[in-house]
């Protein structure tokens, strides 16, 4: 995907950083992405979804939940945010690179915050 600008600065910074290097992440990096995603806090999950949605909008996908994502643990009686499950094999290779970089940075931020509080 050629470099386009979005209205989400974090996305633009990550996309620019991920333009260089291999066209896709390795199997080991896929495993790292999955493990990193499991460690994210709520803020990290929300940013991750916005990154996914931003990329899908740039690809002109009209789905509310792109890349065949599935709602899980949805409570229709409240306005509570539901959880969404994705299969990273459905993501564009560039999106996988962006998400891997994001999870690395966000976990580092979480670690720095924990250290600062202790």
PDB file of N, CA and C in Angstrom:
ATOM      1  N   UNK A   1       0.848  -1.169   0.000  1.00  0.00           N
ATOM      2  CA  UNK A   1       0.000   0.000   0.000  1.00  0.00           C
ATOM      3  C   UNK A   1       0.893   1.231   0.000  1.00  0.00           C
ATOM      4  N   UNK A   2       0.637   2.132  -0.918  1.00  0.00           N
ATOM      5  CA  UNK A   2       1.461   3.330  -0.947  1.00  0.00           C
ATOM      6  C   UNK A   2       1.154   4.199   0.259  1.00  0.00           C
ATOM      7  N   UNK A   3       2.121   4.983   0.655  1.00  0.00           N
ATOM      8  CA  UNK A   3       2.011   5.799   1.862  1.00  0.00           C
ATOM      9  C   UNK A   3       0.944   6.865   1.673  1.00  0.00           C
ATOM     10  N   UNK A   4      -0.147   6.748   2.421  1.00  0.00           N
ATOM     11  CA  UNK A   4      -1.191   7.754   2.442  1.00  0.00           C
ATOM     12  C   UNK A   4      -1.226   8.349   3.837  1.00  0.00           C
ATOM     13  N   UNK A   5      -1.729   9.547   3.938  1.00  0.00           N
ATOM     14  CA  UNK A   5      -1.891  10.180   5.245  1.00  0.00           C
ATOM     15  C   UNK A   5      -3.297   9.888   5.749  1.00  0.00           C
ATOM     16  N   UNK A   6      -3.385   9.618   7.040  1.00  0.00           N
ATOM     17  CA  UNK A   6      -4.683   9.448   7.683  1.00  0.00           C
ATOM     18  C   UNK A   6      -4.893  10.626   8.624  1.00  0.00           C
ATOM     19  N   UNK A   7      -5.991  10.602   9.352  1.00  0.00           N
ATOM     20  CA  UNK A   7      -6.213  11.649  10.352  1.00  0.00           C
ATOM     21  C   UNK A   7      -5.732  11.188  11.729  1.00  0.00           C
ATOM     22  N   UNK A   8      -5.024  10.067  11.771  1.00  0.00           N
ATOM     23  CA  UNK A   8      -4.546   9.474  13.022  1.00  0.00           C
ATOM     24  C   UNK A   8      -3.021   9.483  12.996  1.00  0.00           C
ATOM     25  N   UNK A   9      -2.425  10.402  13.746  1.00  0.00           N
ATOM     26  CA  UNK A   9      -0.979  10.635  13.697  1.00  0.00           C
ATOM     27  C   UNK A   9      -0.191   9.378  14.068  1.00  0.00           C
ATOM     28  N   UNK A  10      -0.628   8.648  15.094  1.00  0.00           N
ATOM     29  CA  UNK A  10       0.074   7.423  15.494  1.00  0.00           C
ATOM     30  C   UNK A  10       0.163   6.452  14.326  1.00  0.00           C
ATOM     31  N   UNK A  11      -0.932   6.289  13.599  1.00  0.00           N
ATOM     32  CA  UNK A  11      -0.935   5.408  12.432  1.00  0.00           C
ATOM     33  C   UNK A  11       0.093   5.876  11.411  1.00  0.00           C
ATOM     34  N   UNK A  12       0.098   7.165  11.115  1.00  0.00           N
ATOM     35  CA  UNK A  12       1.019   7.705  10.108  1.00  0.00           C
ATOM     36  C   UNK A  12       2.477   7.487  10.497  1.00  0.00           C
ATOM     37  N   UNK A  13       2.793   7.699  11.767  1.00  0.00           N
ATOM     38  CA  UNK A  13       4.169   7.510  12.246  1.00  0.00           C
ATOM     39  C   UNK A  13       4.579   6.040  12.120  1.00  0.00           C
ATOM     40  N   UNK A  14       3.698   5.134  12.556  1.00  0.00           N
ATOM     41  CA  UNK A  14       4.016   3.701  12.478  1.00  0.00           C
ATOM     42  C   UNK A  14       4.121   3.236  11.028  1.00  0.00           C
ATOM     43  N   UNK A  15       3.206   3.691  10.180  1.00  0.00           N
ATOM     44  CA  UNK A  15       3.232   3.289   8.768  1.00  0.00           C
ATOM     45  C   UNK A  15       4.523   3.742   8.098  1.00  0.00           C
ATOM     46  N   UNK A  16       4.941   4.958   8.389  1.00  0.00           N
ATOM     47  CA  UNK A  16       6.189   5.465   7.802  1.00  0.00           C
ATOM     48  C   UNK A  16       7.375   4.634   8.278  1.00  0.00           C
ATOM     49  N   UNK A  17       7.406   4.333   9.565  1.00  0.00           N
ATOM     50  CA  UNK A  17       8.500   3.538  10.126  1.00  0.00           C
ATOM     51  C   UNK A  17       8.532   2.130   9.528  1.00  0.00           C
ATOM     52  N   UNK A  18       7.364   1.577   9.227  1.00  0.00           N
ATOM     53  CA  UNK A  18       7.277   0.194   8.743  1.00  0.00           C
ATOM     54  C   UNK A  18       7.433   0.072   7.228  1.00  0.00           C
ATOM     55  N   UNK A  19       7.584   1.189   6.522  1.00  0.00           N
ATOM     56  CA  UNK A  19       7.749   1.146   5.066  1.00  0.00           C
ATOM     57  C   UNK A  19       9.030   0.428   4.662  1.00  0.00           C
ATOM     58  N   UNK A  20      10.050   0.515   5.514  1.00  0.00           N
ATOM     59  CA  UNK A  20      11.328  -0.096   5.178  1.00  0.00           C
ATOM     60  C   UNK A  20      11.365  -1.536   5.667  1.00  0.00           C
ATOM     61  N   UNK A  21      12.270  -2.298   5.113  1.00  0.00           N
ATOM     62  CA  UNK A  21      12.467  -3.669   5.576  1.00  0.00           C
ATOM     63  C   UNK A  21      11.664  -4.676   4.777  1.00  0.00           C
ATOM     64  N   UNK A  22      11.531  -5.849   5.346  1.00  0.00           N
ATOM     65  CA  UNK A  22      10.852  -6.963   4.681  1.00  0.00           C
ATOM     66  C   UNK A  22       9.382  -6.617   4.429  1.00  0.00           C
ATOM     67  N   UNK A  23       8.792  -7.218   3.391  1.00  0.00           N
ATOM     68  CA  UNK A  23       7.399  -6.923   3.076  1.00  0.00           C
ATOM     69  C   UNK A  23       6.403  -7.472   4.102  1.00  0.00           C
ATOM     70  N   UNK A  24       6.804  -8.439   4.897  1.00  0.00           N
ATOM     71  CA  UNK A  24       5.909  -9.028   5.898  1.00  0.00           C
ATOM     72  C   UNK A  24       6.732  -9.432   7.111  1.00  0.00           C
ATOM     73  N   UNK A  25       6.058  -9.696   8.211  1.00  0.00           N
ATOM     74  CA  UNK A  25       6.762 -10.149   9.406  1.00  0.00           C
ATOM     75  C   UNK A  25       7.004 -11.655   9.315  1.00  0.00           C
ATOM     76  N   UNK A  26       7.974 -12.131  10.063  1.00  0.00           N
ATOM     77  CA  UNK A  26       8.321 -13.552  10.062  1.00  0.00           C
ATOM     78  C   UNK A  26       7.355 -14.330  10.956  1.00  0.00           C
ATOM     79  N   UNK A  27       7.453 -15.654  10.911  1.00  0.00           N
ATOM     80  CA  UNK A  27       6.642 -16.512  11.785  1.00  0.00           C
ATOM     81  C   UNK A  27       6.922 -16.166  13.248  1.00  0.00           C
ATOM     82  N   UNK A  28       8.193 -15.992  13.588  1.00  0.00           N
ATOM     83  CA  UNK A  28       8.550 -15.642  14.971  1.00  0.00           C
ATOM     84  C   UNK A  28       7.950 -14.294  15.366  1.00  0.00           C
ATOM     85  N   UNK A  29       7.956 -13.350  14.446  1.00  0.00           N
ATOM     86  CA  UNK A  29       7.366 -12.045  14.738  1.00  0.00           C
ATOM     87  C   UNK A  29       5.846 -12.144  14.869  1.00  0.00           C
ATOM     88  N   UNK A  30       5.222 -13.046  14.089  1.00  0.00           N
ATOM     89  CA  UNK A  30       3.776 -13.291  14.243  1.00  0.00           C
ATOM     90  C   UNK A  30       3.482 -13.787  15.649  1.00  0.00           C
ATOM     91  N   UNK A  31       4.299 -14.720  16.117  1.00  0.00           N
ATOM     92  CA  UNK A  31       4.127 -15.241  17.480  1.00  0.00           C
ATOM     93  C   UNK A  31       4.319 -14.126  18.500  1.00  0.00           C
ATOM     94  N   UNK A  32       5.320 -13.277  18.259  1.00  0.00           N
ATOM     95  CA  UNK A  32       5.565 -12.150  19.160  1.00  0.00           C
ATOM     96  C   UNK A  32       4.365 -11.206  19.182  1.00  0.00           C
ATOM     97  N   UNK A  33       3.801 -10.921  18.018  1.00  0.00           N
ATOM     98  CA  UNK A  33       2.636 -10.043  17.931  1.00  0.00           C
ATOM     99  C   UNK A  33       1.473 -10.605  18.747  1.00  0.00           C
ATOM    100  N   UNK A  34       1.222 -11.896  18.614  1.00  0.00           N
ATOM    101  CA  UNK A  34       0.128 -12.537  19.354  1.00  0.00           C
ATOM    102  C   UNK A  34       0.377 -12.456  20.855  1.00  0.00           C
ATOM    103  N   UNK A  35       1.599 -12.773  21.277  1.00  0.00           N
ATOM    104  CA  UNK A  35       1.937 -12.705  22.706  1.00  0.00           C
ATOM    105  C   UNK A  35       1.860 -11.275  23.225  1.00  0.00           C
ATOM    106  N   UNK A  36       2.366 -10.340  22.443  1.00  0.00           N
ATOM    107  CA  UNK A  36       2.313  -8.932  22.848  1.00  0.00           C
ATOM    108  C   UNK A  36       0.867  -8.461  23.004  1.00  0.00           C
ATOM    109  N   UNK A  37       0.014  -8.854  22.061  1.00  0.00           N
ATOM    110  CA  UNK A  37      -1.391  -8.438  22.109  1.00  0.00           C
ATOM    111  C   UNK A  37      -2.064  -8.941  23.381  1.00  0.00           C
ATOM    112  N   UNK A  38      -1.701 -10.120  23.813  1.00  0.00           N
ATOM    113  CA  UNK A  38      -2.281 -10.684  25.043  1.00  0.00           C
ATOM    114  C   UNK A  38      -1.882  -9.897  26.288  1.00  0.00           C
ATOM    115  N   UNK A  39      -0.794  -9.165  26.217  1.00  0.00           N
ATOM    116  CA  UNK A  39      -0.281  -8.422  27.375  1.00  0.00           C
ATOM    117  C   UNK A  39      -0.765  -6.969  27.419  1.00  0.00           C
ATOM    118  N   UNK A  40      -1.448  -6.521  26.390  1.00  0.00           N
ATOM    119  CA  UNK A  40      -1.859  -5.118  26.321  1.00  0.00           C
ATOM    120  C   UNK A  40      -2.897  -4.773  27.376  1.00  0.00           C
ATOM    121  N   UNK A  41      -2.860  -3.526  27.823  1.00  0.00           N
ATOM    122  CA  UNK A  41      -3.912  -3.011  28.695  1.00  0.00           C
ATOM    123  C   UNK A  41      -5.089  -2.560  27.817  1.00  0.00           C
ATOM    124  N   UNK A  42      -6.153  -2.102  28.458  1.00  0.00           N
ATOM    125  CA  UNK A  42      -7.356  -1.705  27.715  1.00  0.00           C
ATOM    126  C   UNK A  42      -7.045  -0.603  26.707  1.00  0.00           C
ATOM    127  N   UNK A  43      -6.251   0.367  27.118  1.00  0.00           N
ATOM    128  CA  UNK A  43      -5.876   1.455  26.215  1.00  0.00           C
ATOM    129  C   UNK A  43      -5.166   0.902  24.975  1.00  0.00           C
ATOM    130  N   UNK A  44      -4.271  -0.060  25.186  1.00  0.00           N
ATOM    131  CA  UNK A  44      -3.551  -0.669  24.076  1.00  0.00           C
ATOM    132  C   UNK A  44      -4.476  -1.375  23.106  1.00  0.00           C
ATOM    133  N   UNK A  45      -5.467  -2.111  23.651  1.00  0.00           N
ATOM    134  CA  UNK A  45      -6.442  -2.787  22.789  1.00  0.00           C
ATOM    135  C   UNK A  45      -7.242  -1.776  21.972  1.00  0.00           C
ATOM    136  N   UNK A  46      -7.622  -0.685  22.613  1.00  0.00           N
ATOM    137  CA  UNK A  46      -8.403   0.326  21.903  1.00  0.00           C
ATOM    138  C   UNK A  46      -7.591   0.962  20.781  1.00  0.00           C
ATOM    139  N   UNK A  47      -6.343   1.301  21.068  1.00  0.00           N
ATOM    140  CA  UNK A  47      -5.478   1.853  20.015  1.00  0.00           C
ATOM    141  C   UNK A  47      -5.261   0.837  18.899  1.00  0.00           C
ATOM    142  N   UNK A  48      -5.102  -0.416  19.272  1.00  0.00           N
ATOM    143  CA  UNK A  48      -4.880  -1.454  18.271  1.00  0.00           C
ATOM    144  C   UNK A  48      -6.084  -1.542  17.326  1.00  0.00           C
ATOM    145  N   UNK A  49      -7.296  -1.488  17.889  1.00  0.00           N
ATOM    146  CA  UNK A  49      -8.482  -1.526  17.034  1.00  0.00           C
ATOM    147  C   UNK A  49      -8.538  -0.306  16.124  1.00  0.00           C
ATOM    148  N   UNK A  50      -8.199   0.861  16.645  1.00  0.00           N
ATOM    149  CA  UNK A  50      -8.219   2.072  15.816  1.00  0.00           C
ATOM    150  C   UNK A  50      -7.193   1.960  14.688  1.00  0.00           C
ATOM    151  N   UNK A  51      -6.036   1.386  14.968  1.00  0.00           N
ATOM    152  CA  UNK A  51      -5.037   1.170  13.910  1.00  0.00           C
ATOM    153  C   UNK A  51      -5.588   0.231  12.840  1.00  0.00           C
ATOM    154  N   UNK A  52      -6.231  -0.846  13.262  1.00  0.00           N
ATOM    155  CA  UNK A  52      -6.820  -1.807  12.319  1.00  0.00           C
ATOM    156  C   UNK A  52      -7.903  -1.123  11.493  1.00  0.00           C
ATOM    157  N   UNK A  53      -8.777  -0.392  12.154  1.00  0.00           N
ATOM    158  CA  UNK A  53      -9.878   0.285  11.466  1.00  0.00           C
ATOM    159  C   UNK A  53      -9.351   1.361  10.516  1.00  0.00           C
ATOM    160  N   UNK A  54      -8.341   2.100  10.931  1.00  0.00           N
ATOM    161  CA  UNK A  54      -7.751   3.128  10.070  1.00  0.00           C
ATOM    162  C   UNK A  54      -7.187   2.496   8.804  1.00  0.00           C
ATOM    163  N   UNK A  55      -6.461   1.387   8.965  1.00  0.00           N
ATOM    164  CA  UNK A  55      -5.891   0.719   7.794  1.00  0.00           C
ATOM    165  C   UNK A  55      -6.997   0.215   6.875  1.00  0.00           C
ATOM    166  N   UNK A  56      -8.043  -0.372   7.451  1.00  0.00           N
ATOM    167  CA  UNK A  56      -9.134  -0.894   6.619  1.00  0.00           C
ATOM    168  C   UNK A  56      -9.847   0.236   5.884  1.00  0.00           C
ATOM    169  N   UNK A  57     -10.001   1.391   6.530  1.00  0.00           N
ATOM    170  CA  UNK A  57     -10.622   2.537   5.858  1.00  0.00           C
ATOM    171  C   UNK A  57      -9.779   2.999   4.678  1.00  0.00           C
ATOM    172  N   UNK A  58      -8.470   2.950   4.829  1.00  0.00           N
ATOM    173  CA  UNK A  58      -7.584   3.353   3.737  1.00  0.00           C
ATOM    174  C   UNK A  58      -7.647   2.352   2.588  1.00  0.00           C
ATOM    175  N   UNK A  59      -7.986   1.107   2.904  1.00  0.00           N
ATOM    176  CA  UNK A  59      -8.170   0.087   1.865  1.00  0.00           C
ATOM    177  C   UNK A  59      -9.600   0.083   1.329  1.00  0.00           C
ATOM    178  N   UNK A  60     -10.414   1.005   1.836  1.00  0.00           N
ATOM    179  CA  UNK A  60     -11.806   1.167   1.404  1.00  0.00           C
ATOM    180  C   UNK A  60     -12.671  -0.044   1.753  1.00  0.00           C
ATOM    181  N   UNK A  61     -12.386  -0.687   2.885  1.00  0.00           N
ATOM    182  CA  UNK A  61     -13.255  -1.753   3.378  1.00  0.00           C
ATOM    183  C   UNK A  61     -14.352  -1.090   4.193  1.00  0.00           C
ATOM    184  N   UNK A  62     -15.590  -1.404   3.912  1.00  0.00           N
ATOM    185  CA  UNK A  62     -16.704  -0.746   4.580  1.00  0.00           C
ATOM    186  C   UNK A  62     -17.217  -1.448   5.818  1.00  0.00           C
ATOM    187  N   UNK A  63     -16.587  -2.521   6.227  1.00  0.00           N
ATOM    188  CA  UNK A  63     -17.089  -3.299   7.355  1.00  0.00           C
ATOM    189  C   UNK A  63     -16.910  -2.555   8.675  1.00  0.00           C
ATOM    190  N   UNK A  64     -17.912  -2.708   9.579  1.00  0.00           N
ATOM    191  CA  UNK A  64     -17.773  -2.149  10.927  1.00  0.00           C
ATOM    192  C   UNK A  64     -16.615  -2.814  11.654  1.00  0.00           C
ATOM    193  N   UNK A  65     -16.523  -4.127  11.497  1.00  0.00           N
ATOM    194  CA  UNK A  65     -15.398  -4.879  12.057  1.00  0.00           C
ATOM    195  C   UNK A  65     -14.656  -5.481  10.864  1.00  0.00           C
ATOM    196  N   UNK A  66     -13.541  -4.893  10.490  1.00  0.00           N
ATOM    197  CA  UNK A  66     -12.834  -5.327   9.278  1.00  0.00           C
ATOM    198  C   UNK A  66     -12.080  -6.642   9.451  1.00  0.00           C
ATOM    199  N   UNK A  67     -11.617  -7.165   8.345  1.00  0.00           N
ATOM    200  CA  UNK A  67     -10.752  -8.347   8.295  1.00  0.00           C
ATOM    201  C   UNK A  67     -11.375  -9.554   8.994  1.00  0.00           C
ATOM    202  N   UNK A  68     -12.687  -9.710   8.811  1.00  0.00           N
ATOM    203  CA  UNK A  68     -13.427 -10.861   9.343  1.00  0.00           C
ATOM    204  C   UNK A  68     -13.327 -10.983  10.864  1.00  0.00           C
ATOM    205  N   UNK A  69     -13.157  -9.850  11.542  1.00  0.00           N
ATOM    206  CA  UNK A  69     -13.139  -9.859  13.006  1.00  0.00           C
ATOM    207  C   UNK A  69     -14.492 -10.277  13.546  1.00  0.00           C
ATOM    208  N   UNK A  70     -14.492 -10.841  14.745  1.00  0.00           N
ATOM    209  CA  UNK A  70     -15.728 -11.326  15.356  1.00  0.00           C
ATOM    210  C   UNK A  70     -15.900 -10.728  16.747  1.00  0.00           C
ATOM    211  N   UNK A  71     -17.123 -10.278  17.028  1.00  0.00           N
ATOM    212  CA  UNK A  71     -17.435  -9.792  18.374  1.00  0.00           C
ATOM    213  C   UNK A  71     -17.532 -10.989  19.313  1.00  0.00           C
ATOM    214  N   UNK A  72     -16.940 -10.838  20.483  1.00  0.00           N
ATOM    215  CA  UNK A  72     -17.075 -11.857  21.517  1.00  0.00           C
ATOM    216  C   UNK A  72     -17.397 -11.151  22.829  1.00  0.00           C
ATOM    217  N   UNK A  73     -18.062 -11.842  23.718  1.00  0.00           N
ATOM    218  CA  UNK A  73     -18.429 -11.281  25.027  1.00  0.00           C
ATOM    219  C   UNK A  73     -19.244 -10.000  24.895  1.00  0.00           C
ATOM    220  N   UNK A  74     -20.106  -9.946  23.891  1.00  0.00           N
ATOM    221  CA  UNK A  74     -20.914  -8.739  23.687  1.00  0.00           C
ATOM    222  C   UNK A  74     -22.106  -8.753  24.641  1.00  0.00           C
ATOM    223  N   UNK A  75     -22.329  -7.646  25.326  1.00  0.00           N
ATOM    224  CA  UNK A  75     -23.464  -7.492  26.218  1.00  0.00           C
ATOM    225  C   UNK A  75     -24.385  -6.451  25.607  1.00  0.00           C
ATOM    226  N   UNK A  76     -25.476  -6.892  24.986  1.00  0.00           N
ATOM    227  CA  UNK A  76     -26.364  -5.977  24.274  1.00  0.00           C
ATOM    228  C   UNK A  76     -27.198  -5.108  25.212  1.00  0.00           C
ATOM    229  N   UNK A  77     -27.217  -5.427  26.502  1.00  0.00           N
ATOM    230  CA  UNK A  77     -28.037  -4.673  27.448  1.00  0.00           C
ATOM    231  C   UNK A  77     -27.321  -3.433  27.981  1.00  0.00           C
ATOM    232  N   UNK A  78     -26.067  -3.285  27.685  1.00  0.00           N
ATOM    233  CA  UNK A  78     -25.321  -2.118  28.156  1.00  0.00           C
ATOM    234  C   UNK A  78     -24.557  -1.507  26.990  1.00  0.00           C
ATOM    235  N   UNK A  79     -23.977  -0.382  27.230  1.00  0.00           N
ATOM    236  CA  UNK A  79     -23.137   0.262  26.213  1.00  0.00           C
ATOM    237  C   UNK A  79     -21.688  -0.185  26.331  1.00  0.00           C
ATOM    238  N   UNK A  80     -21.459  -1.204  27.146  1.00  0.00           N
ATOM    239  CA  UNK A  80     -20.097  -1.690  27.374  1.00  0.00           C
ATOM    240  C   UNK A  80     -19.462  -2.112  26.053  1.00  0.00           C
ATOM    241  N   UNK A  81     -18.218  -1.784  25.906  1.00  0.00           N
ATOM    242  CA  UNK A  81     -17.478  -2.172  24.709  1.00  0.00           C
ATOM    243  C   UNK A  81     -17.312  -3.685  24.705  1.00  0.00           C
ATOM    244  N   UNK A  82     -17.544  -4.297  23.568  1.00  0.00           N
ATOM    245  CA  UNK A  82     -17.351  -5.742  23.473  1.00  0.00           C
ATOM    246  C   UNK A  82     -15.911  -6.031  23.063  1.00  0.00           C
ATOM    247  N   UNK A  83     -15.529  -7.264  23.229  1.00  0.00           N
ATOM    248  CA  UNK A  83     -14.211  -7.688  22.771  1.00  0.00           C
ATOM    249  C   UNK A  83     -14.333  -8.137  21.324  1.00  0.00           C
ATOM    250  N   UNK A  84     -13.265  -7.983  20.592  1.00  0.00           N
ATOM    251  CA  UNK A  84     -13.247  -8.380  19.189  1.00  0.00           C
ATOM    252  C   UNK A  84     -12.052  -9.283  18.964  1.00  0.00           C
ATOM    253  N   UNK A  85     -12.293 -10.366  18.259  1.00  0.00           N
ATOM    254  CA  UNK A  85     -11.248 -11.349  17.971  1.00  0.00           C
ATOM    255  C   UNK A  85     -10.906 -11.263  16.484  1.00  0.00           C
ATOM    256  N   UNK A  86      -9.604 -11.219  16.203  1.00  0.00           N
ATOM    257  CA  UNK A  86      -9.126 -11.178  14.824  1.00  0.00           C
ATOM    258  C   UNK A  86      -8.188 -12.348  14.570  1.00  0.00           C
ATOM    259  N   UNK A  87      -8.125 -12.772  13.329  1.00  0.00           N
ATOM    260  CA  UNK A  87      -7.135 -13.742  12.876  1.00  0.00           C
ATOM    261  C   UNK A  87      -6.113 -12.939  12.069  1.00  0.00           C
ATOM    262  N   UNK A  88      -4.882 -12.857  12.565  1.00  0.00           N
ATOM    263  CA  UNK A  88      -3.903 -11.983  11.901  1.00  0.00           C
ATOM    264  C   UNK A  88      -3.577 -12.435  10.481  1.00  0.00           C
ATOM    265  N   UNK A  89      -3.931 -13.661  10.143  1.00  0.00           N
ATOM    266  CA  UNK A  89      -3.711 -14.110   8.756  1.00  0.00           C
ATOM    267  C   UNK A  89      -4.598 -13.347   7.783  1.00  0.00           C
ATOM    268  N   UNK A  90      -5.671 -12.735   8.276  1.00  0.00           N
ATOM    269  CA  UNK A  90      -6.558 -11.949   7.416  1.00  0.00           C
ATOM    270  C   UNK A  90      -6.066 -10.521   7.203  1.00  0.00           C
ATOM    271  N   UNK A  91      -5.040 -10.116   7.951  1.00  0.00           N
ATOM    272  CA  UNK A  91      -4.511  -8.761   7.834  1.00  0.00           C
ATOM    273  C   UNK A  91      -3.553  -8.652   6.654  1.00  0.00           C
ATOM    274  N   UNK A  92      -3.516  -7.471   6.082  1.00  0.00           N
ATOM    275  CA  UNK A  92      -2.526  -7.128   5.074  1.00  0.00           C
ATOM    276  C   UNK A  92      -1.141  -7.191   5.732  1.00  0.00           C
ATOM    277  N   UNK A  93      -0.100  -7.647   5.012  1.00  0.00           N
ATOM    278  CA  UNK A  93       1.242  -7.719   5.604  1.00  0.00           C
ATOM    279  C   UNK A  93       1.719  -6.400   6.220  1.00  0.00           C
ATOM    280  N   UNK A  94       1.415  -5.288   5.585  1.00  0.00           N
ATOM    281  CA  UNK A  94       1.832  -3.993   6.135  1.00  0.00           C
ATOM    282  C   UNK A  94       1.138  -3.722   7.472  1.00  0.00           C
ATOM    283  N   UNK A  95      -0.132  -4.098   7.578  1.00  0.00           N
ATOM    284  CA  UNK A  95      -0.858  -3.911   8.835  1.00  0.00           C
ATOM    285  C   UNK A  95      -0.234  -4.762   9.935  1.00  0.00           C
ATOM    286  N   UNK A  96       0.184  -5.967   9.617  1.00  0.00           N
ATOM    287  CA  UNK A  96       0.863  -6.808  10.615  1.00  0.00           C
ATOM    288  C   UNK A  96       2.128  -6.122  11.115  1.00  0.00           C
ATOM    289  N   UNK A  97       2.886  -5.509  10.198  1.00  0.00           N
ATOM    290  CA  UNK A  97       4.108  -4.797  10.598  1.00  0.00           C
ATOM    291  C   UNK A  97       3.774  -3.619  11.516  1.00  0.00           C
ATOM    292  N   UNK A  98       2.740  -2.886  11.176  1.00  0.00           N
ATOM    293  CA  UNK A  98       2.325  -1.738  11.985  1.00  0.00           C
ATOM    294  C   UNK A  98       1.913  -2.196  13.381  1.00  0.00           C
ATOM    295  N   UNK A  99       1.126  -3.260  13.458  1.00  0.00           N
ATOM    296  CA  UNK A  99       0.652  -3.750  14.756  1.00  0.00           C
ATOM    297  C   UNK A  99       1.787  -4.301  15.606  1.00  0.00           C
ATOM    298  N   UNK A 100       2.735  -4.981  14.988  1.00  0.00           N
ATOM    299  CA  UNK A 100       3.886  -5.486  15.736  1.00  0.00           C
ATOM    300  C   UNK A 100       4.663  -4.316  16.337  1.00  0.00           C
ATOM    301  N   UNK A 101       4.925  -3.317  15.543  1.00  0.00           N
ATOM    302  CA  UNK A 101       5.661  -2.144  16.037  1.00  0.00           C
ATOM    303  C   UNK A 101       4.875  -1.450  17.148  1.00  0.00           C
ATOM    304  N   UNK A 102       3.564  -1.314  16.958  1.00  0.00           N
ATOM    305  CA  UNK A 102       2.745  -0.685  17.992  1.00  0.00           C
ATOM    306  C   UNK A 102       2.800  -1.467  19.300  1.00  0.00           C
ATOM    307  N   UNK A 103       2.634  -2.788  19.239  1.00  0.00           N
ATOM    308  CA  UNK A 103       2.625  -3.568  20.485  1.00  0.00           C
ATOM    309  C   UNK A 103       3.966  -3.468  21.197  1.00  0.00           C
ATOM    310  N   UNK A 104       5.042  -3.463  20.453  1.00  0.00           N
ATOM    311  CA  UNK A 104       6.367  -3.305  21.077  1.00  0.00           C
ATOM    312  C   UNK A 104       6.457  -1.969  21.814  1.00  0.00           C
ATOM    313  N   UNK A 105       6.043  -0.913  21.146  1.00  0.00           N
ATOM    314  CA  UNK A 105       6.121   0.422  21.747  1.00  0.00           C
ATOM    315  C   UNK A 105       5.179   0.560  22.938  1.00  0.00           C
ATOM    316  N   UNK A 106       3.974   0.033  22.811  1.00  0.00           N
ATOM    317  CA  UNK A 106       3.004   0.190  23.897  1.00  0.00           C
ATOM    318  C   UNK A 106       3.415  -0.622  25.125  1.00  0.00           C
ATOM    319  N   UNK A 107       3.939  -1.820  24.917  1.00  0.00           N
ATOM    320  CA  UNK A 107       4.402  -2.609  26.064  1.00  0.00           C
ATOM    321  C   UNK A 107       5.575  -1.921  26.758  1.00  0.00           C
ATOM    322  N   UNK A 108       6.430  -1.286  25.986  1.00  0.00           N
ATOM    323  CA  UNK A 108       7.539  -0.519  26.567  1.00  0.00           C
ATOM    324  C   UNK A 108       6.995   0.643  27.401  1.00  0.00           C
ATOM    325  N   UNK A 109       5.982   1.322  26.879  1.00  0.00           N
ATOM    326  CA  UNK A 109       5.347   2.422  27.611  1.00  0.00           C
ATOM    327  C   UNK A 109       4.723   1.906  28.907  1.00  0.00           C
ATOM    328  N   UNK A 110       4.031   0.763  28.846  1.00  0.00           N
ATOM    329  CA  UNK A 110       3.418   0.184  30.047  1.00  0.00           C
ATOM    330  C   UNK A 110       4.483  -0.150  31.090  1.00  0.00           C
ATOM    331  N   UNK A 111       5.604  -0.700  30.634  1.00  0.00           N
ATOM    332  CA  UNK A 111       6.697  -1.050  31.537  1.00  0.00           C
ATOM    333  C   UNK A 111       7.284   0.201  32.190  1.00  0.00           C
ATOM    334  N   UNK A 112       7.488   1.242  31.399  1.00  0.00           N
ATOM    335  CA  UNK A 112       8.014   2.506  31.932  1.00  0.00           C
ATOM    336  C   UNK A 112       7.073   3.096  32.981  1.00  0.00           C
ATOM    337  N   UNK A 113       5.771   3.012  32.734  1.00  0.00           N
ATOM    338  CA  UNK A 113       4.795   3.542  33.693  1.00  0.00           C
ATOM    339  C   UNK A 113       4.818   2.749  34.994  1.00  0.00           C
ATOM    340  N   UNK A 114       4.936   1.428  34.903  1.00  0.00           N
ATOM    341  CA  UNK A 114       5.014   0.593  36.111  1.00  0.00           C
ATOM    342  C   UNK A 114       6.251   0.947  36.924  1.00  0.00           C
ATOM    343  N   UNK A 115       7.381   1.138  36.245  1.00  0.00           N
ATOM    344  CA  UNK A 115       8.627   1.487  36.937  1.00  0.00           C
ATOM    345  C   UNK A 115       8.501   2.843  37.628  1.00  0.00           C
ATOM    346  N   UNK A 116       7.867   3.755  36.964  1.00  0.00           N
ATOM    347  CA  UNK A 116       7.716   5.098  37.518  1.00  0.00           C
ATOM    348  C   UNK A 116       6.820   5.083  38.762  1.00  0.00           C
ATOM    349  N   UNK A 117       5.825   4.203  38.779  1.00  0.00           N
ATOM    350  CA  UNK A 117       4.904   4.125  39.914  1.00  0.00           C
ATOM    351  C   UNK A 117       5.489   3.373  41.099  1.00  0.00           C
ATOM    352  N   UNK A 118       6.498   2.566  40.865  1.00  0.00           N
ATOM    353  CA  UNK A 118       7.113   1.785  41.958  1.00  0.00           C
ATOM    354  C   UNK A 118       8.287   2.488  42.578  1.00  0.00           C
TER     355      UNK A 118
END
